Amino acid sequence: METSLRYATNSRSLKILAKEKFPVNSKTRLQLHGELDTGAGVPSYLCAMIRHLFPKASTSLGVGLHYDKREKLRCLVRGKKKFPVVTDEFVTFNIKGRCDFDQDFVQVCLFRFTSVIYAS
């Protein structure tokens, strides 16, 4: 289990984050993560997601549910695609995206990210 601590200056409370990944098969895993607000004594959010890796395409896809104490229940879809910049794949160009939907499947927000990764 991965855990971390964060101090939020706006709420002046310590938050404990935890994440666990359970293998379903060699390319699929169930990922659970959440955050506990120690000031309020309740979870800030809980998330369950199924993530699948497509190794030949250097792509991953995830779908899941996210419960937030403010926005309630949301559905989310995530994707990631890696493009090698050089043939040995030490430098890659990554594209990540996420789309969130509310309970009525109305799009709440759309995120897009790009990055260049150098792995030595």
PDB file of N, CA and C in Angstrom:
ATOM      1  N   MET A   1       0.852  -1.180   0.000  1.00  0.00           N
ATOM      2  CA  MET A   1       0.000   0.000   0.000  1.00  0.00           C
ATOM      3  C   MET A   1       0.893   1.237   0.000  1.00  0.00           C
ATOM      4  N   GLU A   2       0.543   2.179  -0.840  1.00  0.00           N
ATOM      5  CA  GLU A   2       1.240   3.458  -0.878  1.00  0.00           C
ATOM      6  C   GLU A   2       0.481   4.437   0.010  1.00  0.00           C
ATOM      7  N   THR A   3       1.183   5.135   0.877  1.00  0.00           N
ATOM      8  CA  THR A   3       0.554   6.139   1.732  1.00  0.00           C
ATOM      9  C   THR A   3       1.384   7.404   1.706  1.00  0.00           C
ATOM     10  N   SER A   4       0.739   8.528   1.932  1.00  0.00           N
ATOM     11  CA  SER A   4       1.444   9.805   2.028  1.00  0.00           C
ATOM     12  C   SER A   4       0.643  10.730   2.926  1.00  0.00           C
ATOM     13  N   LEU A   5       1.325  11.751   3.424  1.00  0.00           N
ATOM     14  CA  LEU A   5       0.700  12.752   4.281  1.00  0.00           C
ATOM     15  C   LEU A   5       0.762  14.095   3.569  1.00  0.00           C
ATOM     16  N   ARG A   6      -0.318  14.867   3.696  1.00  0.00           N
ATOM     17  CA  ARG A   6      -0.364  16.215   3.129  1.00  0.00           C
ATOM     18  C   ARG A   6      -0.973  17.144   4.159  1.00  0.00           C
ATOM     19  N   TYR A   7      -0.426  18.338   4.205  1.00  0.00           N
ATOM     20  CA  TYR A   7      -0.982  19.361   5.092  1.00  0.00           C
ATOM     21  C   TYR A   7      -1.643  20.421   4.231  1.00  0.00           C
ATOM     22  N   ALA A   8      -2.933  20.601   4.408  1.00  0.00           N
ATOM     23  CA  ALA A   8      -3.687  21.579   3.634  1.00  0.00           C
ATOM     24  C   ALA A   8      -3.750  22.885   4.426  1.00  0.00           C
ATOM     25  N   THR A   9      -3.155  23.939   3.880  1.00  0.00           N
ATOM     26  CA  THR A   9      -3.130  25.212   4.599  1.00  0.00           C
ATOM     27  C   THR A   9      -4.502  25.876   4.646  1.00  0.00           C
ATOM     28  N   ASN A  10      -5.338  25.623   3.639  1.00  0.00           N
ATOM     29  CA  ASN A  10      -6.663  26.265   3.645  1.00  0.00           C
ATOM     30  C   ASN A  10      -7.574  25.672   4.719  1.00  0.00           C
ATOM     31  N   SER A  11      -7.502  24.367   4.961  1.00  0.00           N
ATOM     32  CA  SER A  11      -8.340  23.764   6.000  1.00  0.00           C
ATOM     33  C   SER A  11      -7.560  23.534   7.285  1.00  0.00           C
ATOM     34  N   ARG A  12      -6.233  23.745   7.232  1.00  0.00           N
ATOM     35  CA  ARG A  12      -5.343  23.574   8.378  1.00  0.00           C
ATOM     36  C   ARG A  12      -5.499  22.207   9.029  1.00  0.00           C
ATOM     37  N   SER A  13      -5.518  21.202   8.179  1.00  0.00           N
ATOM     38  CA  SER A  13      -5.622  19.835   8.689  1.00  0.00           C
ATOM     39  C   SER A  13      -4.679  18.928   7.914  1.00  0.00           C
ATOM     40  N   LEU A  14      -4.302  17.864   8.554  1.00  0.00           N
ATOM     41  CA  LEU A  14      -3.446  16.858   7.949  1.00  0.00           C
ATOM     42  C   LEU A  14      -4.316  15.858   7.209  1.00  0.00           C
ATOM     43  N   LYS A  15      -3.910  15.516   5.994  1.00  0.00           N
ATOM     44  CA  LYS A  15      -4.671  14.550   5.202  1.00  0.00           C
ATOM     45  C   LYS A  15      -3.798  13.335   4.941  1.00  0.00           C
ATOM     46  N   ILE A  16      -4.379  12.166   5.098  1.00  0.00           N
ATOM     47  CA  ILE A  16      -3.686  10.904   4.862  1.00  0.00           C
ATOM     48  C   ILE A  16      -4.226  10.311   3.570  1.00  0.00           C
ATOM     49  N   LEU A  17      -3.327  10.077   2.614  1.00  0.00           N
ATOM     50  CA  LEU A  17      -3.707   9.480   1.336  1.00  0.00           C
ATOM     51  C   LEU A  17      -3.218   8.042   1.307  1.00  0.00           C
ATOM     52  N   ALA A  18      -4.031   7.147   0.770  1.00  0.00           N
ATOM     53  CA  ALA A  18      -3.661   5.740   0.649  1.00  0.00           C
ATOM     54  C   ALA A  18      -4.102   5.222  -0.714  1.00  0.00           C
ATOM     55  N   LYS A  19      -3.255   4.344  -1.301  1.00  0.00           N
ATOM     56  CA  LYS A  19      -3.560   3.757  -2.608  1.00  0.00           C
ATOM     57  C   LYS A  19      -3.112   2.306  -2.593  1.00  0.00           C
ATOM     58  N   GLU A  20      -3.951   1.439  -3.121  1.00  0.00           N
ATOM     59  CA  GLU A  20      -3.616   0.022  -3.237  1.00  0.00           C
ATOM     60  C   GLU A  20      -4.033  -0.464  -4.610  1.00  0.00           C
ATOM     61  N   LYS A  21      -3.181  -1.304  -5.214  1.00  0.00           N
ATOM     62  CA  LYS A  21      -3.449  -1.875  -6.534  1.00  0.00           C
ATOM     63  C   LYS A  21      -3.528  -3.390  -6.389  1.00  0.00           C
ATOM     64  N   PHE A  22      -4.638  -3.968  -6.827  1.00  0.00           N
ATOM     65  CA  PHE A  22      -4.856  -5.407  -6.769  1.00  0.00           C
ATOM     66  C   PHE A  22      -4.829  -5.972  -8.190  1.00  0.00           C
ATOM     67  N   PRO A  23      -3.938  -6.928  -8.474  1.00  0.00           N
ATOM     68  CA  PRO A  23      -3.899  -7.487  -9.827  1.00  0.00           C
ATOM     69  C   PRO A  23      -5.133  -8.348 -10.109  1.00  0.00           C
ATOM     70  N   VAL A  24      -5.746  -8.129 -11.263  1.00  0.00           N
ATOM     71  CA  VAL A  24      -6.867  -8.950 -11.724  1.00  0.00           C
ATOM     72  C   VAL A  24      -6.321 -10.026 -12.657  1.00  0.00           C
ATOM     73  N   ASN A  25      -5.467  -9.598 -13.598  1.00  0.00           N
ATOM     74  CA  ASN A  25      -4.697 -10.509 -14.442  1.00  0.00           C
ATOM     75  C   ASN A  25      -3.405  -9.790 -14.805  1.00  0.00           C
ATOM     76  N   SER A  26      -2.656 -10.314 -15.762  1.00  0.00           N
ATOM     77  CA  SER A  26      -1.344  -9.736 -16.048  1.00  0.00           C
ATOM     78  C   SER A  26      -1.410  -8.319 -16.613  1.00  0.00           C
ATOM     79  N   LYS A  27      -2.531  -7.906 -17.187  1.00  0.00           N
ATOM     80  CA  LYS A  27      -2.627  -6.579 -17.796  1.00  0.00           C
ATOM     81  C   LYS A  27      -3.712  -5.704 -17.177  1.00  0.00           C
ATOM     82  N   THR A  28      -4.416  -6.212 -16.171  1.00  0.00           N
ATOM     83  CA  THR A  28      -5.523  -5.474 -15.573  1.00  0.00           C
ATOM     84  C   THR A  28      -5.357  -5.445 -14.063  1.00  0.00           C
ATOM     85  N   ARG A  29      -5.682  -4.295 -13.472  1.00  0.00           N
ATOM     86  CA  ARG A  29      -5.625  -4.206 -12.016  1.00  0.00           C
ATOM     87  C   ARG A  29      -6.766  -3.330 -11.502  1.00  0.00           C
ATOM     88  N   LEU A  30      -7.172  -3.626 -10.292  1.00  0.00           N
ATOM     89  CA  LEU A  30      -8.165  -2.825  -9.576  1.00  0.00           C
ATOM     90  C   LEU A  30      -7.384  -1.883  -8.679  1.00  0.00           C
ATOM     91  N   GLN A  31      -7.641  -0.592  -8.806  1.00  0.00           N
ATOM     92  CA  GLN A  31      -6.929   0.405  -8.006  1.00  0.00           C
ATOM     93  C   GLN A  31      -7.921   1.098  -7.090  1.00  0.00           C
ATOM     94  N   LEU A  32      -7.641   1.085  -5.795  1.00  0.00           N
ATOM     95  CA  LEU A  32      -8.454   1.766  -4.796  1.00  0.00           C
ATOM     96  C   LEU A  32      -7.605   2.840  -4.143  1.00  0.00           C
ATOM     97  N   HIS A  33      -8.130   4.039  -4.003  1.00  0.00           N
ATOM     98  CA  HIS A  33      -7.405   5.071  -3.278  1.00  0.00           C
ATOM     99  C   HIS A  33      -8.376   6.053  -2.654  1.00  0.00           C
ATOM    100  N   GLY A  34      -7.890   6.722  -1.624  1.00  0.00           N
ATOM    101  CA  GLY A  34      -8.737   7.658  -0.908  1.00  0.00           C
ATOM    102  C   GLY A  34      -7.915   8.588  -0.050  1.00  0.00           C
ATOM    103  N   GLU A  35      -8.620   9.541   0.543  1.00  0.00           N
ATOM    104  CA  GLU A  35      -7.973  10.550   1.379  1.00  0.00           C
ATOM    105  C   GLU A  35      -8.814  10.740   2.628  1.00  0.00           C
ATOM    106  N   LEU A  36      -8.149  10.732   3.784  1.00  0.00           N
ATOM    107  CA  LEU A  36      -8.821  10.939   5.065  1.00  0.00           C
ATOM    108  C   LEU A  36      -8.404  12.294   5.610  1.00  0.00           C
ATOM    109  N   ASP A  37      -9.378  13.146   5.890  1.00  0.00           N
ATOM    110  CA  ASP A  37      -9.131  14.453   6.490  1.00  0.00           C
ATOM    111  C   ASP A  37      -9.144  14.268   8.004  1.00  0.00           C
ATOM    112  N   THR A  38      -7.974  14.412   8.642  1.00  0.00           N
ATOM    113  CA  THR A  38      -7.893  14.170  10.085  1.00  0.00           C
ATOM    114  C   THR A  38      -8.567  15.276  10.889  1.00  0.00           C
ATOM    115  N   GLY A  39      -8.706  16.460  10.316  1.00  0.00           N
ATOM    116  CA  GLY A  39      -9.381  17.546  11.021  1.00  0.00           C
ATOM    117  C   GLY A  39     -10.869  17.281  11.176  1.00  0.00           C
ATOM    118  N   ALA A  40     -11.491  16.799  10.104  1.00  0.00           N
ATOM    119  CA  ALA A  40     -12.927  16.514  10.138  1.00  0.00           C
ATOM    120  C   ALA A  40     -13.203  15.081  10.577  1.00  0.00           C
ATOM    121  N   GLY A  41     -12.211  14.194  10.415  1.00  0.00           N
ATOM    122  CA  GLY A  41     -12.396  12.793  10.797  1.00  0.00           C
ATOM    123  C   GLY A  41     -13.201  11.982   9.804  1.00  0.00           C
ATOM    124  N   VAL A  42     -13.338  12.489   8.588  1.00  0.00           N
ATOM    125  CA  VAL A  42     -14.094  11.785   7.548  1.00  0.00           C
ATOM    126  C   VAL A  42     -13.269  11.735   6.260  1.00  0.00           C
ATOM    127  N   PRO A  43     -13.575  10.799   5.368  1.00  0.00           N
ATOM    128  CA  PRO A  43     -12.859  10.758   4.088  1.00  0.00           C
ATOM    129  C   PRO A  43     -13.206  11.967   3.222  1.00  0.00           C
ATOM    130  N   SER A  44     -12.177  12.530   2.559  1.00  0.00           N
ATOM    131  CA  SER A  44     -12.406  13.615   1.600  1.00  0.00           C
ATOM    132  C   SER A  44     -12.889  13.049   0.280  1.00  0.00           C
ATOM    133  N   TYR A  45     -12.298  11.905  -0.127  1.00  0.00           N
ATOM    134  CA  TYR A  45     -12.744  11.229  -1.334  1.00  0.00           C
ATOM    135  C   TYR A  45     -12.339   9.763  -1.279  1.00  0.00           C
ATOM    136  N   LEU A  46     -13.063   8.951  -2.047  1.00  0.00           N
ATOM    137  CA  LEU A  46     -12.773   7.531  -2.240  1.00  0.00           C
ATOM    138  C   LEU A  46     -12.910   7.252  -3.730  1.00  0.00           C
ATOM    139  N   CYS A  47     -12.031   6.404  -4.277  1.00  0.00           N
ATOM    140  CA  CYS A  47     -12.064   6.121  -5.702  1.00  0.00           C
ATOM    141  C   CYS A  47     -11.756   4.651  -5.951  1.00  0.00           C
ATOM    142  N   ALA A  48     -12.498   4.034  -6.845  1.00  0.00           N
ATOM    143  CA  ALA A  48     -12.242   2.664  -7.301  1.00  0.00           C
ATOM    144  C   ALA A  48     -12.172   2.701  -8.822  1.00  0.00           C
ATOM    145  N   MET A  49     -11.112   2.086  -9.376  1.00  0.00           N
ATOM    146  CA  MET A  49     -10.908   2.154 -10.818  1.00  0.00           C
ATOM    147  C   MET A  49     -10.329   0.838 -11.327  1.00  0.00           C
ATOM    148  N   ILE A  50     -10.816   0.409 -12.474  1.00  0.00           N
ATOM    149  CA  ILE A  50     -10.224  -0.723 -13.191  1.00  0.00           C
ATOM    150  C   ILE A  50      -9.319  -0.133 -14.257  1.00  0.00           C
ATOM    151  N   ARG A  51      -8.035  -0.542 -14.249  1.00  0.00           N
ATOM    152  CA  ARG A  51      -7.070  -0.042 -15.226  1.00  0.00           C
ATOM    153  C   ARG A  51      -6.545  -1.208 -16.044  1.00  0.00           C
ATOM    154  N   HIS A  52      -6.499  -1.014 -17.361  1.00  0.00           N
ATOM    155  CA  HIS A  52      -6.032  -2.064 -18.269  1.00  0.00           C
ATOM    156  C   HIS A  52      -4.886  -1.519 -19.114  1.00  0.00           C
ATOM    157  N   LEU A  53      -3.847  -2.324 -19.264  1.00  0.00           N
ATOM    158  CA  LEU A  53      -2.668  -1.959 -20.038  1.00  0.00           C
ATOM    159  C   LEU A  53      -2.703  -2.675 -21.381  1.00  0.00           C
ATOM    160  N   PHE A  54      -2.450  -1.918 -22.444  1.00  0.00           N
ATOM    161  CA  PHE A  54      -2.305  -2.461 -23.786  1.00  0.00           C
ATOM    162  C   PHE A  54      -0.839  -2.298 -24.173  1.00  0.00           C
ATOM    163  N   PRO A  55       0.032  -3.269 -23.828  1.00  0.00           N
ATOM    164  CA  PRO A  55       1.475  -3.072 -23.984  1.00  0.00           C
ATOM    165  C   PRO A  55       1.934  -2.897 -25.427  1.00  0.00           C
ATOM    166  N   LYS A  56       1.318  -3.559 -26.381  1.00  0.00           N
ATOM    167  CA  LYS A  56       1.750  -3.415 -27.776  1.00  0.00           C
ATOM    168  C   LYS A  56       1.500  -2.013 -28.304  1.00  0.00           C
ATOM    169  N   ALA A  57       0.497  -1.348 -27.775  1.00  0.00           N
ATOM    170  CA  ALA A  57       0.166   0.008 -28.208  1.00  0.00           C
ATOM    171  C   ALA A  57       0.722   1.067 -27.252  1.00  0.00           C
ATOM    172  N   SER A  58       1.436   0.640 -26.198  1.00  0.00           N
ATOM    173  CA  SER A  58       1.948   1.564 -25.171  1.00  0.00           C
ATOM    174  C   SER A  58       0.841   2.474 -24.648  1.00  0.00           C
ATOM    175  N   THR A  59      -0.302   1.859 -24.347  1.00  0.00           N
ATOM    176  CA  THR A  59      -1.491   2.590 -23.951  1.00  0.00           C
ATOM    177  C   THR A  59      -2.103   1.963 -22.710  1.00  0.00           C
ATOM    178  N   SER A  60      -2.717   2.780 -21.869  1.00  0.00           N
ATOM    179  CA  SER A  60      -3.503   2.264 -20.750  1.00  0.00           C
ATOM    180  C   SER A  60      -4.837   2.997 -20.704  1.00  0.00           C
ATOM    181  N   LEU A  61      -5.859   2.319 -20.195  1.00  0.00           N
ATOM    182  CA  LEU A  61      -7.205   2.860 -20.106  1.00  0.00           C
ATOM    183  C   LEU A  61      -7.769   2.505 -18.743  1.00  0.00           C
ATOM    184  N   GLY A  62      -8.434   3.451 -18.108  1.00  0.00           N
ATOM    185  CA  GLY A  62      -9.037   3.207 -16.806  1.00  0.00           C
ATOM    186  C   GLY A  62     -10.438   3.771 -16.750  1.00  0.00           C
ATOM    187  N   VAL A  63     -11.339   3.045 -16.086  1.00  0.00           N
ATOM    188  CA  VAL A  63     -12.705   3.513 -15.838  1.00  0.00           C
ATOM    189  C   VAL A  63     -13.024   3.255 -14.376  1.00  0.00           C
ATOM    190  N   GLY A  64     -13.776   4.156 -13.770  1.00  0.00           N
ATOM    191  CA  GLY A  64     -14.064   3.952 -12.369  1.00  0.00           C
ATOM    192  C   GLY A  64     -15.084   4.922 -11.819  1.00  0.00           C
ATOM    193  N   LEU A  65     -15.238   4.863 -10.484  1.00  0.00           N
ATOM    194  CA  LEU A  65     -16.159   5.722  -9.743  1.00  0.00           C
ATOM    195  C   LEU A  65     -15.366   6.501  -8.708  1.00  0.00           C
ATOM    196  N   HIS A  66     -15.755   7.753  -8.503  1.00  0.00           N
ATOM    197  CA  HIS A  66     -15.073   8.644  -7.573  1.00  0.00           C
ATOM    198  C   HIS A  66     -16.141   9.274  -6.690  1.00  0.00           C
ATOM    199  N   TYR A  67     -16.010   9.105  -5.360  1.00  0.00           N
ATOM    200  CA  TYR A  67     -16.953   9.720  -4.428  1.00  0.00           C
ATOM    201  C   TYR A  67     -16.238  10.852  -3.712  1.00  0.00           C
ATOM    202  N   ASP A  68     -16.776  12.048  -3.840  1.00  0.00           N
ATOM    203  CA  ASP A  68     -16.209  13.247  -3.235  1.00  0.00           C
ATOM    204  C   ASP A  68     -17.246  13.801  -2.266  1.00  0.00           C
ATOM    205  N   LYS A  69     -16.806  14.278  -1.109  1.00  0.00           N
ATOM    206  CA  LYS A  69     -17.762  14.781  -0.118  1.00  0.00           C
ATOM    207  C   LYS A  69     -18.514  16.018  -0.595  1.00  0.00           C
ATOM    208  N   ARG A  70     -17.962  16.740  -1.597  1.00  0.00           N
ATOM    209  CA  ARG A  70     -18.646  17.930  -2.119  1.00  0.00           C
ATOM    210  C   ARG A  70     -19.483  17.618  -3.357  1.00  0.00           C
ATOM    211  N   GLU A  71     -18.911  16.874  -4.305  1.00  0.00           N
ATOM    212  CA  GLU A  71     -19.588  16.658  -5.588  1.00  0.00           C
ATOM    213  C   GLU A  71     -20.310  15.320  -5.662  1.00  0.00           C
ATOM    214  N   LYS A  72     -20.260  14.567  -4.617  1.00  0.00           N
ATOM    215  CA  LYS A  72     -20.892  13.247  -4.529  1.00  0.00           C
ATOM    216  C   LYS A  72     -20.267  12.260  -5.508  1.00  0.00           C
ATOM    217  N   LEU A  73     -21.076  11.485  -6.190  1.00  0.00           N
ATOM    218  CA  LEU A  73     -20.562  10.396  -7.023  1.00  0.00           C
ATOM    219  C   LEU A  73     -20.307  10.866  -8.456  1.00  0.00           C
ATOM    220  N   ARG A  74     -19.120  10.504  -8.987  1.00  0.00           N
ATOM    221  CA  ARG A  74     -18.778  10.814 -10.376  1.00  0.00           C
ATOM    222  C   ARG A  74     -18.221   9.562 -11.037  1.00  0.00           C
ATOM    223  N   CYS A  75     -18.397   9.477 -12.336  1.00  0.00           N
ATOM    224  CA  CYS A  75     -17.777   8.430 -13.144  1.00  0.00           C
ATOM    225  C   CYS A  75     -16.587   9.059 -13.846  1.00  0.00           C
ATOM    226  N   LEU A  76     -15.523   8.280 -14.044  1.00  0.00           N
ATOM    227  CA  LEU A  76     -14.370   8.840 -14.724  1.00  0.00           C
ATOM    228  C   LEU A  76     -13.760   7.840 -15.685  1.00  0.00           C
ATOM    229  N   VAL A  77     -13.172   8.395 -16.731  1.00  0.00           N
ATOM    230  CA  VAL A  77     -12.466   7.615 -17.749  1.00  0.00           C
ATOM    231  C   VAL A  77     -11.103   8.269 -17.916  1.00  0.00           C
ATOM    232  N   ARG A  78     -10.041   7.440 -17.856  1.00  0.00           N
ATOM    233  CA  ARG A  78      -8.669   7.942 -18.008  1.00  0.00           C
ATOM    234  C   ARG A  78      -7.963   7.179 -19.107  1.00  0.00           C
ATOM    235  N   GLY A  79      -7.057   7.859 -19.772  1.00  0.00           N
ATOM    236  CA  GLY A  79      -6.253   7.208 -20.796  1.00  0.00           C
ATOM    237  C   GLY A  79      -4.847   7.771 -20.824  1.00  0.00           C
ATOM    238  N   LYS A  80      -3.905   6.953 -21.275  1.00  0.00           N
ATOM    239  CA  LYS A  80      -2.512   7.373 -21.382  1.00  0.00           C
ATOM    240  C   LYS A  80      -1.889   6.696 -22.591  1.00  0.00           C
ATOM    241  N   LYS A  81      -1.144   7.442 -23.378  1.00  0.00           N
ATOM    242  CA  LYS A  81      -0.478   6.918 -24.565  1.00  0.00           C
ATOM    243  C   LYS A  81       0.956   7.419 -24.573  1.00  0.00           C
ATOM    244  N   LYS A  82       1.905   6.495 -24.781  1.00  0.00           N
ATOM    245  CA  LYS A  82       3.321   6.838 -24.849  1.00  0.00           C
ATOM    246  C   LYS A  82       3.800   6.726 -26.289  1.00  0.00           C
ATOM    247  N   PHE A  83       4.571   7.724 -26.731  1.00  0.00           N
ATOM    248  CA  PHE A  83       5.201   7.711 -28.042  1.00  0.00           C
ATOM    249  C   PHE A  83       6.709   7.804 -27.832  1.00  0.00           C
ATOM    250  N   PRO A  84       7.484   6.830 -28.318  1.00  0.00           N
ATOM    251  CA  PRO A  84       8.934   6.940 -28.169  1.00  0.00           C
ATOM    252  C   PRO A  84       9.488   8.047 -29.071  1.00  0.00           C
ATOM    253  N   VAL A  85      10.353   8.886 -28.511  1.00  0.00           N
ATOM    254  CA  VAL A  85      10.974   9.958 -29.285  1.00  0.00           C
ATOM    255  C   VAL A  85      12.204   9.420 -30.013  1.00  0.00           C
ATOM    256  N   VAL A  86      12.946   8.540 -29.349  1.00  0.00           N
ATOM    257  CA  VAL A  86      14.082   7.856 -29.965  1.00  0.00           C
ATOM    258  C   VAL A  86      13.816   6.363 -29.897  1.00  0.00           C
ATOM    259  N   THR A  87      14.533   5.569 -30.651  1.00  0.00           N
ATOM    260  CA  THR A  87      14.220   4.143 -30.790  1.00  0.00           C
ATOM    261  C   THR A  87      14.421   3.333 -29.521  1.00  0.00           C
ATOM    262  N   ASP A  88      15.285   3.746 -28.608  1.00  0.00           N
ATOM    263  CA  ASP A  88      15.523   2.953 -27.402  1.00  0.00           C
ATOM    264  C   ASP A  88      14.512   3.233 -26.285  1.00  0.00           C
ATOM    265  N   GLU A  89      13.555   4.103 -26.493  1.00  0.00           N
ATOM    266  CA  GLU A  89      12.473   4.455 -25.571  1.00  0.00           C
ATOM    267  C   GLU A  89      12.946   5.060 -24.252  1.00  0.00           C
ATOM    268  N   PHE A  90      14.165   5.620 -24.221  1.00  0.00           N
ATOM    269  CA  PHE A  90      14.599   6.337 -23.028  1.00  0.00           C
ATOM    270  C   PHE A  90      13.953   7.713 -22.951  1.00  0.00           C
ATOM    271  N   VAL A  91      13.531   8.229 -24.091  1.00  0.00           N
ATOM    272  CA  VAL A  91      12.824   9.505 -24.135  1.00  0.00           C
ATOM    273  C   VAL A  91      11.462   9.241 -24.775  1.00  0.00           C
ATOM    274  N   THR A  92      10.394   9.562 -24.040  1.00  0.00           N
ATOM    275  CA  THR A  92       9.043   9.341 -24.553  1.00  0.00           C
ATOM    276  C   THR A  92       8.221  10.617 -24.421  1.00  0.00           C
ATOM    277  N   PHE A  93       7.269  10.759 -25.310  1.00  0.00           N
ATOM    278  CA  PHE A  93       6.291  11.836 -25.275  1.00  0.00           C
ATOM    279  C   PHE A  93       4.986  11.209 -24.811  1.00  0.00           C
ATOM    280  N   ASN A  94       4.470  11.651 -23.668  1.00  0.00           N
ATOM    281  CA  ASN A  94       3.268  11.059 -23.078  1.00  0.00           C
ATOM    282  C   ASN A  94       2.077  11.995 -23.212  1.00  0.00           C
ATOM    283  N   ILE A  95       0.950  11.419 -23.555  1.00  0.00           N
ATOM    284  CA  ILE A  95      -0.314  12.148 -23.592  1.00  0.00           C
ATOM    285  C   ILE A  95      -1.255  11.456 -22.606  1.00  0.00           C
ATOM    286  N   LYS A  96      -1.806  12.246 -21.688  1.00  0.00           N
ATOM    287  CA  LYS A  96      -2.749  11.726 -20.701  1.00  0.00           C
ATOM    288  C   LYS A  96      -4.038  12.528 -20.793  1.00  0.00           C
ATOM    289  N   GLY A  97      -5.148  11.862 -20.540  1.00  0.00           N
ATOM    290  CA  GLY A  97      -6.426  12.553 -20.543  1.00  0.00           C
ATOM    291  C   GLY A  97      -7.370  11.948 -19.536  1.00  0.00           C
ATOM    292  N   ARG A  98      -8.291  12.764 -19.060  1.00  0.00           N
ATOM    293  CA  ARG A  98      -9.295  12.295 -18.107  1.00  0.00           C
ATOM    294  C   ARG A  98     -10.587  13.046 -18.354  1.00  0.00           C
ATOM    295  N   CYS A  99     -11.683  12.333 -18.279  1.00  0.00           N
ATOM    296  CA  CYS A  99     -13.001  12.941 -18.440  1.00  0.00           C
ATOM    297  C   CYS A  99     -13.873  12.460 -17.293  1.00  0.00           C
ATOM    298  N   ASP A 100     -14.504  13.386 -16.595  1.00  0.00           N
ATOM    299  CA  ASP A 100     -15.377  13.068 -15.468  1.00  0.00           C
ATOM    300  C   ASP A 100     -16.827  13.337 -15.851  1.00  0.00           C
ATOM    301  N   PHE A 101     -17.713  12.473 -15.364  1.00  0.00           N
ATOM    302  CA  PHE A 101     -19.147  12.598 -15.602  1.00  0.00           C
ATOM    303  C   PHE A 101     -19.867  12.569 -14.268  1.00  0.00           C
ATOM    304  N   ASP A 102     -20.974  13.312 -14.167  1.00  0.00           N
ATOM    305  CA  ASP A 102     -21.756  13.251 -12.941  1.00  0.00           C
ATOM    306  C   ASP A 102     -22.702  12.058 -12.985  1.00  0.00           C
ATOM    307  N   GLN A 103     -23.583  11.963 -12.011  1.00  0.00           N
ATOM    308  CA  GLN A 103     -24.493  10.817 -11.908  1.00  0.00           C
ATOM    309  C   GLN A 103     -25.440  10.699 -13.090  1.00  0.00           C
ATOM    310  N   ASP A 104     -25.711  11.797 -13.777  1.00  0.00           N
ATOM    311  CA  ASP A 104     -26.606  11.783 -14.938  1.00  0.00           C
ATOM    312  C   ASP A 104     -25.830  11.668 -16.249  1.00  0.00           C
ATOM    313  N   PHE A 105     -24.534  11.326 -16.172  1.00  0.00           N
ATOM    314  CA  PHE A 105     -23.638  11.192 -17.319  1.00  0.00           C
ATOM    315  C   PHE A 105     -23.508  12.484 -18.119  1.00  0.00           C
ATOM    316  N   VAL A 106     -23.564  13.609 -17.416  1.00  0.00           N
ATOM    317  CA  VAL A 106     -23.279  14.903 -18.004  1.00  0.00           C
ATOM    318  C   VAL A 106     -21.807  15.186 -17.728  1.00  0.00           C
ATOM    319  N   GLN A 107     -21.066  15.591 -18.765  1.00  0.00           N
ATOM    320  CA  GLN A 107     -19.631  15.828 -18.605  1.00  0.00           C
ATOM    321  C   GLN A 107     -19.387  16.963 -17.622  1.00  0.00           C
ATOM    322  N   VAL A 108     -18.626  16.665 -16.576  1.00  0.00           N
ATOM    323  CA  VAL A 108     -18.310  17.663 -15.563  1.00  0.00           C
ATOM    324  C   VAL A 108     -17.035  18.405 -15.932  1.00  0.00           C
ATOM    325  N   CYS A 109     -15.986  17.670 -16.272  1.00  0.00           N
ATOM    326  CA  CYS A 109     -14.734  18.325 -16.648  1.00  0.00           C
ATOM    327  C   CYS A 109     -13.888  17.392 -17.511  1.00  0.00           C
ATOM    328  N   LEU A 110     -13.021  18.010 -18.272  1.00  0.00           N
ATOM    329  CA  LEU A 110     -12.143  17.300 -19.186  1.00  0.00           C
ATOM    330  C   LEU A 110     -10.728  17.820 -18.960  1.00  0.00           C
ATOM    331  N   PHE A 111      -9.782  16.914 -18.735  1.00  0.00           N
ATOM    332  CA  PHE A 111      -8.388  17.287 -18.503  1.00  0.00           C
ATOM    333  C   PHE A 111      -7.523  16.655 -19.580  1.00  0.00           C
ATOM    334  N   ARG A 112      -6.496  17.397 -20.026  1.00  0.00           N
ATOM    335  CA  ARG A 112      -5.518  16.869 -20.979  1.00  0.00           C
ATOM    336  C   ARG A 112      -4.139  17.276 -20.495  1.00  0.00           C
ATOM    337  N   PHE A 113      -3.197  16.343 -20.562  1.00  0.00           N
ATOM    338  CA  PHE A 113      -1.829  16.601 -20.117  1.00  0.00           C
ATOM    339  C   PHE A 113      -0.851  16.058 -21.150  1.00  0.00           C
ATOM    340  N   THR A 114       0.268  16.698 -21.289  1.00  0.00           N
ATOM    341  CA  THR A 114       1.358  16.180 -22.109  1.00  0.00           C
ATOM    342  C   THR A 114       2.648  16.325 -21.326  1.00  0.00           C
ATOM    343  N   SER A 115       3.594  15.426 -21.578  1.00  0.00           N
ATOM    344  CA  SER A 115       4.884  15.508 -20.903  1.00  0.00           C
ATOM    345  C   SER A 115       5.926  14.778 -21.736  1.00  0.00           C
ATOM    346  N   VAL A 116       7.157  15.162 -21.529  1.00  0.00           N
ATOM    347  CA  VAL A 116       8.293  14.468 -22.129  1.00  0.00           C
ATOM    348  C   VAL A 116       9.063  13.827 -20.983  1.00  0.00           C
ATOM    349  N   ILE A 117       9.281  12.517 -21.066  1.00  0.00           N
ATOM    350  CA  ILE A 117       9.924  11.759 -19.991  1.00  0.00           C
ATOM    351  C   ILE A 117      11.276  11.250 -20.478  1.00  0.00           C
ATOM    352  N   TYR A 118      12.295  11.478 -19.675  1.00  0.00           N
ATOM    353  CA  TYR A 118      13.625  10.946 -19.940  1.00  0.00           C
ATOM    354  C   TYR A 118      13.948   9.946 -18.837  1.00  0.00           C
ATOM    355  N   ALA A 119      14.125   8.676 -19.199  1.00  0.00           N
ATOM    356  CA  ALA A 119      14.440   7.624 -18.235  1.00  0.00           C
ATOM    357  C   ALA A 119      15.864   7.156 -18.471  1.00  0.00           C
ATOM    358  N   SER A 120      16.688   7.291 -17.483  1.00  0.00           N
ATOM    359  CA  SER A 120      18.083   6.862 -17.648  1.00  0.00           C
ATOM    360  C   SER A 120      18.322   5.495 -17.066  1.00  0.00           C
TER     361      SER A 120
END
